[in-house]
Amino acid sequence: MPEDWAANWVTWASRFDQNHVPAGSPAGGQFGPQGGSGAPAAKGGKPRGSGTAAREDKTEAGLRARAAADRAQARRLQGQLHALQAQEAHARGAAKKASAAAKAARHAAAKHPVTAKQAAARKAAAAHRKASTHHATLKQRITGLQHQISGLLSQAAQLDAQAARL
């Protein structure tokens, strides 16, 4: 059983951990250099990710293309943001309605403590908690999206400024 676990670990590590070096390899140890599996570095070859595709395009056209891609991503996120804002408005209304229902049920249960009315008050309170939590979650997601959009747009502006300096 332990041998099976060790074999599975090596398989997993080589698949998901790019810095893992198998035991007994010339690179030695369990973790190798930053370049990947250690085999190319041990043979004197280039580490992974050092080709021309990995380099960032520093030309004016490349910078402007990256800025345009950031703006396009910001536009896609704007669409998601508008959908979330519509959901948030609906959730805010549902939370207010559930709050009013919970308050009314609580007052009814206090005046006439009948088991059915108490159960209705508990149910209304639970609905209020659920609606309020959903509303708060949506607000957090909206804030996160707004921050991400702002970051993308400022990064695009910086790339444009950098391209203009070239």
N, C-alpha and C. Protein backbone atom coordinates (compact mmCIF):
# COMPACT_ATOMS: atom_id res chain seq x y z
N MET A 1 0.82 -1.21 0.00
CA MET A 1 0.00 0.00 0.00
C MET A 1 0.85 1.26 0.00
N PRO A 2 1.89 1.39 0.88
CA PRO A 2 2.71 2.60 0.85
C PRO A 2 3.40 2.80 -0.50
N GLU A 3 3.78 1.70 -1.18
CA GLU A 3 4.43 1.82 -2.48
C GLU A 3 3.45 2.42 -3.50
N ASP A 4 2.20 2.03 -3.44
CA ASP A 4 1.19 2.58 -4.34
C ASP A 4 1.02 4.07 -4.10
N TRP A 5 1.01 4.45 -2.82
CA TRP A 5 0.86 5.86 -2.50
C TRP A 5 2.03 6.67 -3.04
N ALA A 6 3.24 6.14 -2.86
CA ALA A 6 4.44 6.84 -3.34
C ALA A 6 4.42 6.97 -4.85
N ALA A 7 4.00 5.93 -5.55
CA ALA A 7 3.93 5.98 -7.01
C ALA A 7 2.88 7.01 -7.45
N ASN A 8 1.76 7.04 -6.76
CA ASN A 8 0.73 8.02 -7.09
C ASN A 8 1.22 9.43 -6.81
N TRP A 9 1.98 9.62 -5.74
CA TRP A 9 2.51 10.95 -5.40
C TRP A 9 3.46 11.44 -6.49
N VAL A 10 4.34 10.56 -6.96
CA VAL A 10 5.29 10.95 -8.01
C VAL A 10 4.52 11.32 -9.27
N THR A 11 3.50 10.54 -9.61
CA THR A 11 2.69 10.84 -10.80
C THR A 11 2.00 12.18 -10.63
N TRP A 12 1.39 12.41 -9.47
CA TRP A 12 0.69 13.67 -9.24
C TRP A 12 1.66 14.84 -9.27
N ALA A 13 2.79 14.68 -8.58
CA ALA A 13 3.75 15.77 -8.47
C ALA A 13 4.33 16.13 -9.83
N SER A 14 4.61 15.12 -10.64
CA SER A 14 5.18 15.43 -11.95
C SER A 14 4.15 16.09 -12.85
N ARG A 15 2.88 15.83 -12.61
CA ARG A 15 1.83 16.41 -13.43
C ARG A 15 1.47 17.82 -13.02
N PHE A 16 1.39 18.07 -11.72
CA PHE A 16 0.87 19.34 -11.23
C PHE A 16 1.93 20.27 -10.65
N ASP A 17 3.02 19.74 -10.17
CA ASP A 17 4.06 20.59 -9.59
C ASP A 17 5.20 20.66 -10.59
N GLN A 18 5.33 21.79 -11.28
CA GLN A 18 6.31 21.91 -12.34
C GLN A 18 7.74 21.93 -11.81
N ASN A 19 7.94 22.11 -10.51
CA ASN A 19 9.28 22.14 -9.95
C ASN A 19 9.69 20.81 -9.34
N HIS A 20 8.88 19.77 -9.50
CA HIS A 20 9.18 18.48 -8.90
C HIS A 20 10.17 17.72 -9.76
N VAL A 21 11.19 17.17 -9.11
CA VAL A 21 12.19 16.34 -9.78
C VAL A 21 12.09 14.95 -9.18
N PRO A 22 11.99 13.90 -10.02
CA PRO A 22 11.89 12.56 -9.47
C PRO A 22 13.12 12.20 -8.63
N ALA A 23 12.91 11.36 -7.64
CA ALA A 23 14.02 10.94 -6.78
C ALA A 23 15.03 10.16 -7.61
N GLY A 24 16.31 10.40 -7.36
CA GLY A 24 17.37 9.70 -8.07
C GLY A 24 17.73 10.32 -9.41
N SER A 25 17.14 11.45 -9.75
CA SER A 25 17.47 12.09 -11.02
C SER A 25 18.79 12.84 -10.88
N PRO A 26 19.42 13.19 -12.01
CA PRO A 26 20.69 13.92 -11.92
C PRO A 26 20.54 15.28 -11.23
N ALA A 27 19.34 15.89 -11.30
CA ALA A 27 19.14 17.18 -10.64
C ALA A 27 19.10 17.01 -9.14
N GLY A 28 18.75 15.80 -8.69
CA GLY A 28 18.78 15.48 -7.27
C GLY A 28 17.67 16.12 -6.48
N GLY A 29 17.32 15.49 -5.40
CA GLY A 29 16.32 16.06 -4.51
C GLY A 29 14.91 15.89 -5.03
N GLN A 30 14.00 16.45 -4.28
CA GLN A 30 12.60 16.34 -4.64
C GLN A 30 12.13 17.54 -5.45
N PHE A 31 12.72 18.71 -5.22
CA PHE A 31 12.32 19.89 -5.95
C PHE A 31 13.51 20.43 -6.70
N GLY A 32 13.28 20.78 -7.94
CA GLY A 32 14.36 21.21 -8.80
C GLY A 32 14.38 22.70 -9.01
N PRO A 33 15.11 23.14 -10.01
CA PRO A 33 15.18 24.56 -10.30
C PRO A 33 13.85 25.11 -10.77
N GLN A 34 13.73 26.41 -10.82
CA GLN A 34 12.49 27.09 -11.17
C GLN A 34 12.04 26.78 -12.59
N GLY A 35 12.89 26.28 -13.44
CA GLY A 35 12.56 26.10 -14.85
C GLY A 35 11.65 24.95 -15.16
N GLY A 36 11.43 24.01 -14.28
CA GLY A 36 10.55 22.90 -14.59
C GLY A 36 11.07 21.62 -13.99
N SER A 37 11.13 20.54 -14.80
CA SER A 37 11.44 19.21 -14.28
C SER A 37 12.90 19.00 -14.01
N GLY A 38 13.78 19.90 -14.40
CA GLY A 38 15.19 19.76 -14.10
C GLY A 38 15.95 19.01 -15.18
N ALA A 39 15.28 18.22 -15.99
CA ALA A 39 15.96 17.45 -17.01
C ALA A 39 16.62 18.35 -18.05
N PRO A 40 15.94 19.35 -18.62
CA PRO A 40 16.62 20.19 -19.58
C PRO A 40 17.77 20.98 -18.95
N ALA A 41 17.61 21.42 -17.72
CA ALA A 41 18.67 22.18 -17.07
C ALA A 41 19.87 21.27 -16.79
N ALA A 42 19.62 20.01 -16.47
CA ALA A 42 20.71 19.09 -16.18
C ALA A 42 21.49 18.77 -17.45
N LYS A 43 20.86 18.77 -18.61
CA LYS A 43 21.52 18.48 -19.87
C LYS A 43 22.11 19.72 -20.51
N GLY A 44 21.98 20.85 -19.85
CA GLY A 44 22.54 22.08 -20.40
C GLY A 44 21.59 22.79 -21.34
N GLY A 45 20.36 22.34 -21.46
CA GLY A 45 19.39 22.98 -22.35
C GLY A 45 18.74 24.17 -21.68
N LYS A 46 17.89 24.84 -22.42
CA LYS A 46 17.18 25.99 -21.88
C LYS A 46 16.09 25.52 -20.91
N PRO A 47 15.86 26.25 -19.85
CA PRO A 47 14.72 25.90 -18.99
C PRO A 47 13.42 26.21 -19.72
N ARG A 48 12.36 25.55 -19.27
CA ARG A 48 11.05 25.77 -19.90
C ARG A 48 10.62 27.21 -19.75
N GLY A 49 9.90 27.69 -20.76
CA GLY A 49 9.32 29.03 -20.68
C GLY A 49 10.29 30.13 -21.04
N SER A 50 11.44 29.79 -21.62
CA SER A 50 12.39 30.85 -21.95
C SER A 50 12.41 31.15 -23.44
N GLY A 51 11.48 30.62 -24.20
CA GLY A 51 11.43 30.86 -25.64
C GLY A 51 10.87 32.22 -25.97
N THR A 52 10.74 32.51 -27.26
CA THR A 52 10.25 33.82 -27.68
C THR A 52 8.79 34.02 -27.32
N ALA A 53 8.04 32.92 -27.22
CA ALA A 53 6.62 33.05 -26.89
C ALA A 53 6.44 33.52 -25.44
N ALA A 54 7.41 33.20 -24.58
CA ALA A 54 7.28 33.58 -23.18
C ALA A 54 7.64 35.04 -22.95
N ARG A 55 8.41 35.63 -23.83
CA ARG A 55 8.80 37.03 -23.66
C ARG A 55 7.62 37.94 -23.92
N GLU A 56 7.58 39.02 -23.17
CA GLU A 56 6.51 39.99 -23.39
C GLU A 56 6.87 40.86 -24.59
N ASP A 57 5.87 41.23 -25.33
CA ASP A 57 6.07 42.08 -26.50
C ASP A 57 6.21 43.52 -26.02
N LYS A 58 7.39 44.09 -26.20
CA LYS A 58 7.66 45.45 -25.73
C LYS A 58 7.53 46.48 -26.84
N THR A 59 7.08 46.07 -28.02
CA THR A 59 6.91 47.03 -29.11
C THR A 59 5.65 47.84 -28.88
N GLU A 60 5.54 48.94 -29.60
CA GLU A 60 4.37 49.81 -29.45
C GLU A 60 3.09 49.06 -29.82
N ALA A 61 3.15 48.31 -30.93
CA ALA A 61 1.96 47.56 -31.36
C ALA A 61 1.59 46.50 -30.33
N GLY A 62 2.58 45.85 -29.74
CA GLY A 62 2.30 44.83 -28.73
C GLY A 62 1.69 45.42 -27.48
N LEU A 63 2.22 46.57 -27.06
CA LEU A 63 1.67 47.23 -25.88
C LEU A 63 0.23 47.68 -26.12
N ARG A 64 0.00 48.24 -27.30
CA ARG A 64 -1.37 48.68 -27.62
C ARG A 64 -2.32 47.49 -27.73
N ALA A 65 -1.83 46.37 -28.24
CA ALA A 65 -2.67 45.16 -28.34
C ALA A 65 -3.03 44.65 -26.94
N ARG A 66 -2.06 44.66 -26.02
CA ARG A 66 -2.35 44.24 -24.65
C ARG A 66 -3.33 45.19 -23.98
N ALA A 67 -3.19 46.50 -24.26
CA ALA A 67 -4.12 47.48 -23.70
C ALA A 67 -5.53 47.23 -24.24
N ALA A 68 -5.63 46.93 -25.54
CA ALA A 68 -6.94 46.66 -26.14
C ALA A 68 -7.54 45.39 -25.54
N ALA A 69 -6.70 44.39 -25.30
CA ALA A 69 -7.21 43.15 -24.69
C ALA A 69 -7.70 43.41 -23.27
N ASP A 70 -6.99 44.27 -22.52
CA ASP A 70 -7.45 44.61 -21.17
C ASP A 70 -8.78 45.35 -21.21
N ARG A 71 -8.94 46.26 -22.16
CA ARG A 71 -10.21 46.98 -22.29
C ARG A 71 -11.35 46.04 -22.68
N ALA A 72 -11.05 45.08 -23.57
CA ALA A 72 -12.08 44.11 -23.97
C ALA A 72 -12.50 43.26 -22.77
N GLN A 73 -11.52 42.85 -21.96
CA GLN A 73 -11.85 42.09 -20.75
C GLN A 73 -12.68 42.94 -19.80
N ALA A 74 -12.36 44.22 -19.68
CA ALA A 74 -13.13 45.12 -18.82
C ALA A 74 -14.56 45.24 -19.33
N ARG A 75 -14.74 45.29 -20.64
CA ARG A 75 -16.11 45.36 -21.19
C ARG A 75 -16.89 44.10 -20.88
N ARG A 76 -16.22 42.93 -20.98
CA ARG A 76 -16.92 41.67 -20.64
C ARG A 76 -17.31 41.67 -19.16
N LEU A 77 -16.42 42.15 -18.33
CA LEU A 77 -16.72 42.21 -16.90
C LEU A 77 -17.83 43.23 -16.61
N GLN A 78 -17.90 44.30 -17.40
CA GLN A 78 -18.99 45.28 -17.24
C GLN A 78 -20.34 44.61 -17.45
N GLY A 79 -20.42 43.72 -18.45
CA GLY A 79 -21.67 42.98 -18.68
C GLY A 79 -22.04 42.14 -17.47
N GLN A 80 -21.06 41.45 -16.90
CA GLN A 80 -21.31 40.66 -15.69
C GLN A 80 -21.73 41.57 -14.53
N LEU A 81 -21.08 42.73 -14.46
CA LEU A 81 -21.39 43.67 -13.39
C LEU A 81 -22.83 44.14 -13.47
N HIS A 82 -23.30 44.47 -14.66
CA HIS A 82 -24.68 44.94 -14.81
C HIS A 82 -25.67 43.84 -14.43
N ALA A 83 -25.36 42.60 -14.79
CA ALA A 83 -26.24 41.49 -14.41
C ALA A 83 -26.28 41.33 -12.89
N LEU A 84 -25.11 41.44 -12.25
CA LEU A 84 -25.07 41.32 -10.79
C LEU A 84 -25.79 42.48 -10.11
N GLN A 85 -25.69 43.67 -10.69
CA GLN A 85 -26.38 44.81 -10.10
C GLN A 85 -27.90 44.63 -10.18
N ALA A 86 -28.38 44.05 -11.27
CA ALA A 86 -29.81 43.77 -11.38
C ALA A 86 -30.23 42.73 -10.34
N GLN A 87 -29.40 41.68 -10.17
CA GLN A 87 -29.70 40.67 -9.15
C GLN A 87 -29.67 41.29 -7.75
N GLU A 88 -28.73 42.20 -7.54
CA GLU A 88 -28.61 42.84 -6.23
C GLU A 88 -29.83 43.68 -5.91
N ALA A 89 -30.35 44.40 -6.91
CA ALA A 89 -31.55 45.21 -6.69
C ALA A 89 -32.73 44.31 -6.34
N HIS A 90 -32.84 43.17 -7.03
CA HIS A 90 -33.91 42.22 -6.73
C HIS A 90 -33.72 41.63 -5.34
N ALA A 91 -32.49 41.30 -4.99
CA ALA A 91 -32.21 40.71 -3.68
C ALA A 91 -32.47 41.73 -2.56
N ARG A 92 -32.16 43.00 -2.82
CA ARG A 92 -32.41 44.03 -1.82
C ARG A 92 -33.91 44.12 -1.54
N GLY A 93 -34.73 44.09 -2.59
CA GLY A 93 -36.18 44.11 -2.42
C GLY A 93 -36.68 42.89 -1.66
N ALA A 94 -36.11 41.72 -2.01
CA ALA A 94 -36.52 40.49 -1.32
C ALA A 94 -36.11 40.53 0.15
N ALA A 95 -34.96 41.11 0.45
CA ALA A 95 -34.52 41.19 1.83
C ALA A 95 -35.42 42.12 2.63
N LYS A 96 -35.81 43.24 2.03
CA LYS A 96 -36.72 44.17 2.72
C LYS A 96 -38.08 43.53 2.97
N LYS A 97 -38.57 42.81 1.96
CA LYS A 97 -39.87 42.14 2.09
C LYS A 97 -39.80 41.06 3.17
N ALA A 98 -38.71 40.29 3.18
CA ALA A 98 -38.55 39.24 4.18
C ALA A 98 -38.40 39.84 5.57
N SER A 99 -37.74 40.98 5.66
CA SER A 99 -37.59 41.65 6.95
C SER A 99 -38.95 42.09 7.50
N ALA A 100 -39.74 42.67 6.64
CA ALA A 100 -41.08 43.11 7.07
C ALA A 100 -41.94 41.92 7.47
N ALA A 101 -41.86 40.83 6.72
CA ALA A 101 -42.64 39.64 7.05
C ALA A 101 -42.17 39.04 8.37
N ALA A 102 -40.86 39.03 8.60
CA ALA A 102 -40.34 38.48 9.85
C ALA A 102 -40.77 39.33 11.04
N LYS A 103 -40.75 40.64 10.84
CA LYS A 103 -41.16 41.53 11.93
C LYS A 103 -42.64 41.34 12.25
N ALA A 104 -43.47 41.26 11.22
CA ALA A 104 -44.90 41.06 11.43
C ALA A 104 -45.17 39.71 12.09
N ALA A 105 -44.48 38.68 11.66
CA ALA A 105 -44.69 37.35 12.25
C ALA A 105 -44.22 37.32 13.70
N ARG A 106 -43.13 38.00 13.99
CA ARG A 106 -42.61 38.04 15.35
C ARG A 106 -43.61 38.74 16.27
N HIS A 107 -44.20 39.84 15.80
CA HIS A 107 -45.19 40.55 16.61
C HIS A 107 -46.46 39.72 16.79
N ALA A 108 -46.86 39.02 15.75
CA ALA A 108 -48.05 38.18 15.86
C ALA A 108 -47.81 37.04 16.85
N ALA A 109 -46.62 36.46 16.81
CA ALA A 109 -46.31 35.36 17.72
C ALA A 109 -46.21 35.86 19.17
N ALA A 110 -45.78 37.10 19.34
CA ALA A 110 -45.67 37.65 20.70
C ALA A 110 -47.05 37.91 21.29
N LYS A 111 -47.98 38.36 20.45
CA LYS A 111 -49.33 38.65 20.95
C LYS A 111 -50.10 37.38 21.25
N HIS A 112 -50.01 36.43 20.34
CA HIS A 112 -50.76 35.18 20.48
C HIS A 112 -49.79 34.02 20.31
N PRO A 113 -49.19 33.55 21.38
CA PRO A 113 -48.16 32.51 21.26
C PRO A 113 -48.74 31.14 20.93
N VAL A 114 -49.19 31.01 19.72
CA VAL A 114 -49.69 29.73 19.23
C VAL A 114 -48.54 29.08 18.46
N THR A 115 -48.46 27.79 18.54
CA THR A 115 -47.34 27.08 17.93
C THR A 115 -47.23 27.36 16.44
N ALA A 116 -48.33 27.43 15.73
CA ALA A 116 -48.29 27.67 14.29
C ALA A 116 -47.74 29.07 14.00
N LYS A 117 -48.12 30.03 14.84
CA LYS A 117 -47.62 31.39 14.62
C LYS A 117 -46.12 31.48 14.96
N GLN A 118 -45.70 30.74 15.95
CA GLN A 118 -44.28 30.72 16.27
C GLN A 118 -43.47 30.08 15.15
N ALA A 119 -44.02 29.04 14.58
CA ALA A 119 -43.35 28.39 13.46
C ALA A 119 -43.27 29.32 12.26
N ALA A 120 -44.34 30.07 12.03
CA ALA A 120 -44.33 31.03 10.93
C ALA A 120 -43.31 32.12 11.17
N ALA A 121 -43.16 32.55 12.42
CA ALA A 121 -42.17 33.57 12.76
C ALA A 121 -40.76 33.04 12.53
N ARG A 122 -40.51 31.78 12.93
CA ARG A 122 -39.19 31.20 12.69
C ARG A 122 -38.90 31.07 11.20
N LYS A 123 -39.91 30.68 10.43
CA LYS A 123 -39.75 30.52 8.99
C LYS A 123 -39.47 31.88 8.33
N ALA A 124 -40.20 32.89 8.75
CA ALA A 124 -39.99 34.23 8.20
C ALA A 124 -38.61 34.77 8.57
N ALA A 125 -38.16 34.50 9.79
CA ALA A 125 -36.83 34.95 10.21
C ALA A 125 -35.75 34.25 9.39
N ALA A 126 -35.94 32.97 9.12
CA ALA A 126 -34.98 32.23 8.31
C ALA A 126 -34.94 32.77 6.88
N ALA A 127 -36.09 33.10 6.34
CA ALA A 127 -36.14 33.68 4.99
C ALA A 127 -35.44 35.02 4.95
N HIS A 128 -35.61 35.79 6.02
CA HIS A 128 -34.94 37.09 6.11
C HIS A 128 -33.42 36.91 6.16
N ARG A 129 -32.94 35.97 6.97
CA ARG A 129 -31.49 35.73 7.05
C ARG A 129 -30.94 35.31 5.70
N LYS A 130 -31.66 34.43 5.01
CA LYS A 130 -31.20 33.95 3.71
C LYS A 130 -31.15 35.09 2.70
N ALA A 131 -32.19 35.90 2.66
CA ALA A 131 -32.24 37.01 1.70
C ALA A 131 -31.17 38.05 2.02
N SER A 132 -30.96 38.33 3.29
CA SER A 132 -29.94 39.30 3.67
C SER A 132 -28.54 38.81 3.33
N THR A 133 -28.28 37.54 3.55
CA THR A 133 -26.98 36.96 3.23
C THR A 133 -26.73 37.00 1.74
N HIS A 134 -27.75 36.65 0.96
CA HIS A 134 -27.62 36.67 -0.50
C HIS A 134 -27.33 38.09 -0.98
N HIS A 135 -28.02 39.06 -0.42
CA HIS A 135 -27.81 40.46 -0.80
C HIS A 135 -26.39 40.89 -0.47
N ALA A 136 -25.89 40.52 0.70
CA ALA A 136 -24.53 40.89 1.10
C ALA A 136 -23.49 40.23 0.19
N THR A 137 -23.72 38.98 -0.17
CA THR A 137 -22.80 38.28 -1.06
C THR A 137 -22.75 38.96 -2.42
N LEU A 138 -23.90 39.33 -2.93
CA LEU A 138 -23.93 40.02 -4.22
C LEU A 138 -23.19 41.35 -4.15
N LYS A 139 -23.34 42.06 -3.05
CA LYS A 139 -22.64 43.33 -2.90
C LYS A 139 -21.13 43.12 -2.91
N GLN A 140 -20.66 42.06 -2.26
CA GLN A 140 -19.23 41.77 -2.26
C GLN A 140 -18.74 41.43 -3.66
N ARG A 141 -19.50 40.64 -4.39
CA ARG A 141 -19.11 40.28 -5.75
C ARG A 141 -19.08 41.50 -6.65
N ILE A 142 -20.04 42.40 -6.47
CA ILE A 142 -20.08 43.63 -7.26
C ILE A 142 -18.85 44.48 -6.97
N THR A 143 -18.52 44.62 -5.70
CA THR A 143 -17.35 45.40 -5.32
C THR A 143 -16.08 44.80 -5.91
N GLY A 144 -15.95 43.49 -5.87
CA GLY A 144 -14.79 42.82 -6.45
C GLY A 144 -14.70 43.04 -7.95
N LEU A 145 -15.82 42.94 -8.65
CA LEU A 145 -15.83 43.18 -10.10
C LEU A 145 -15.46 44.62 -10.42
N GLN A 146 -16.00 45.56 -9.65
CA GLN A 146 -15.68 46.96 -9.89
C GLN A 146 -14.19 47.21 -9.70
N HIS A 147 -13.60 46.60 -8.70
CA HIS A 147 -12.17 46.75 -8.45
C HIS A 147 -11.36 46.14 -9.60
N GLN A 148 -11.78 44.97 -10.07
CA GLN A 148 -11.08 44.30 -11.17
C GLN A 148 -11.18 45.12 -12.46
N ILE A 149 -12.34 45.68 -12.74
CA ILE A 149 -12.52 46.51 -13.94
C ILE A 149 -11.65 47.75 -13.85
N SER A 150 -11.64 48.37 -12.68
CA SER A 150 -10.81 49.56 -12.47
C SER A 150 -9.33 49.24 -12.70
N GLY A 151 -8.88 48.11 -12.19
CA GLY A 151 -7.49 47.70 -12.37
C GLY A 151 -7.15 47.46 -13.84
N LEU A 152 -8.07 46.80 -14.56
CA LEU A 152 -7.83 46.55 -15.98
C LEU A 152 -7.74 47.85 -16.77
N LEU A 153 -8.65 48.77 -16.47
CA LEU A 153 -8.65 50.03 -17.22
C LEU A 153 -7.41 50.87 -16.89
N SER A 154 -6.98 50.87 -15.65
CA SER A 154 -5.77 51.63 -15.31
C SER A 154 -4.53 50.98 -15.92
N GLN A 155 -4.52 49.65 -15.96
CA GLN A 155 -3.40 48.96 -16.60
C GLN A 155 -3.37 49.25 -18.10
N ALA A 156 -4.53 49.31 -18.73
CA ALA A 156 -4.60 49.64 -20.16
C ALA A 156 -4.10 51.06 -20.40
N ALA A 157 -4.45 51.98 -19.51
CA ALA A 157 -3.98 53.36 -19.65
C ALA A 157 -2.46 53.43 -19.49
N GLN A 158 -1.91 52.67 -18.56
CA GLN A 158 -0.46 52.64 -18.39
C GLN A 158 0.24 52.06 -19.61
N LEU A 159 -0.35 51.00 -20.18
CA LEU A 159 0.24 50.42 -21.39
C LEU A 159 0.20 51.40 -22.55
N ASP A 160 -0.90 52.14 -22.68
CA ASP A 160 -0.98 53.14 -23.73
C ASP A 160 0.06 54.24 -23.53
N ALA A 161 0.23 54.66 -22.29
CA ALA A 161 1.23 55.69 -22.00
C ALA A 161 2.64 55.19 -22.31
N GLN A 162 2.90 53.93 -21.97
CA GLN A 162 4.20 53.33 -22.25
C GLN A 162 4.42 53.22 -23.75
N ALA A 163 3.38 52.86 -24.49
CA ALA A 163 3.48 52.77 -25.95
C ALA A 163 3.70 54.14 -26.57
N ALA A 164 3.09 55.17 -26.01
CA ALA A 164 3.27 56.53 -26.54
C ALA A 164 4.69 57.03 -26.32
N ARG A 165 5.34 56.56 -25.25
CA ARG A 165 6.72 56.98 -25.00
C ARG A 165 7.69 56.36 -25.98
N LEU A 166 7.32 55.23 -26.60
CA LEU A 166 8.24 54.54 -27.54
C LEU A 166 8.37 55.28 -28.83
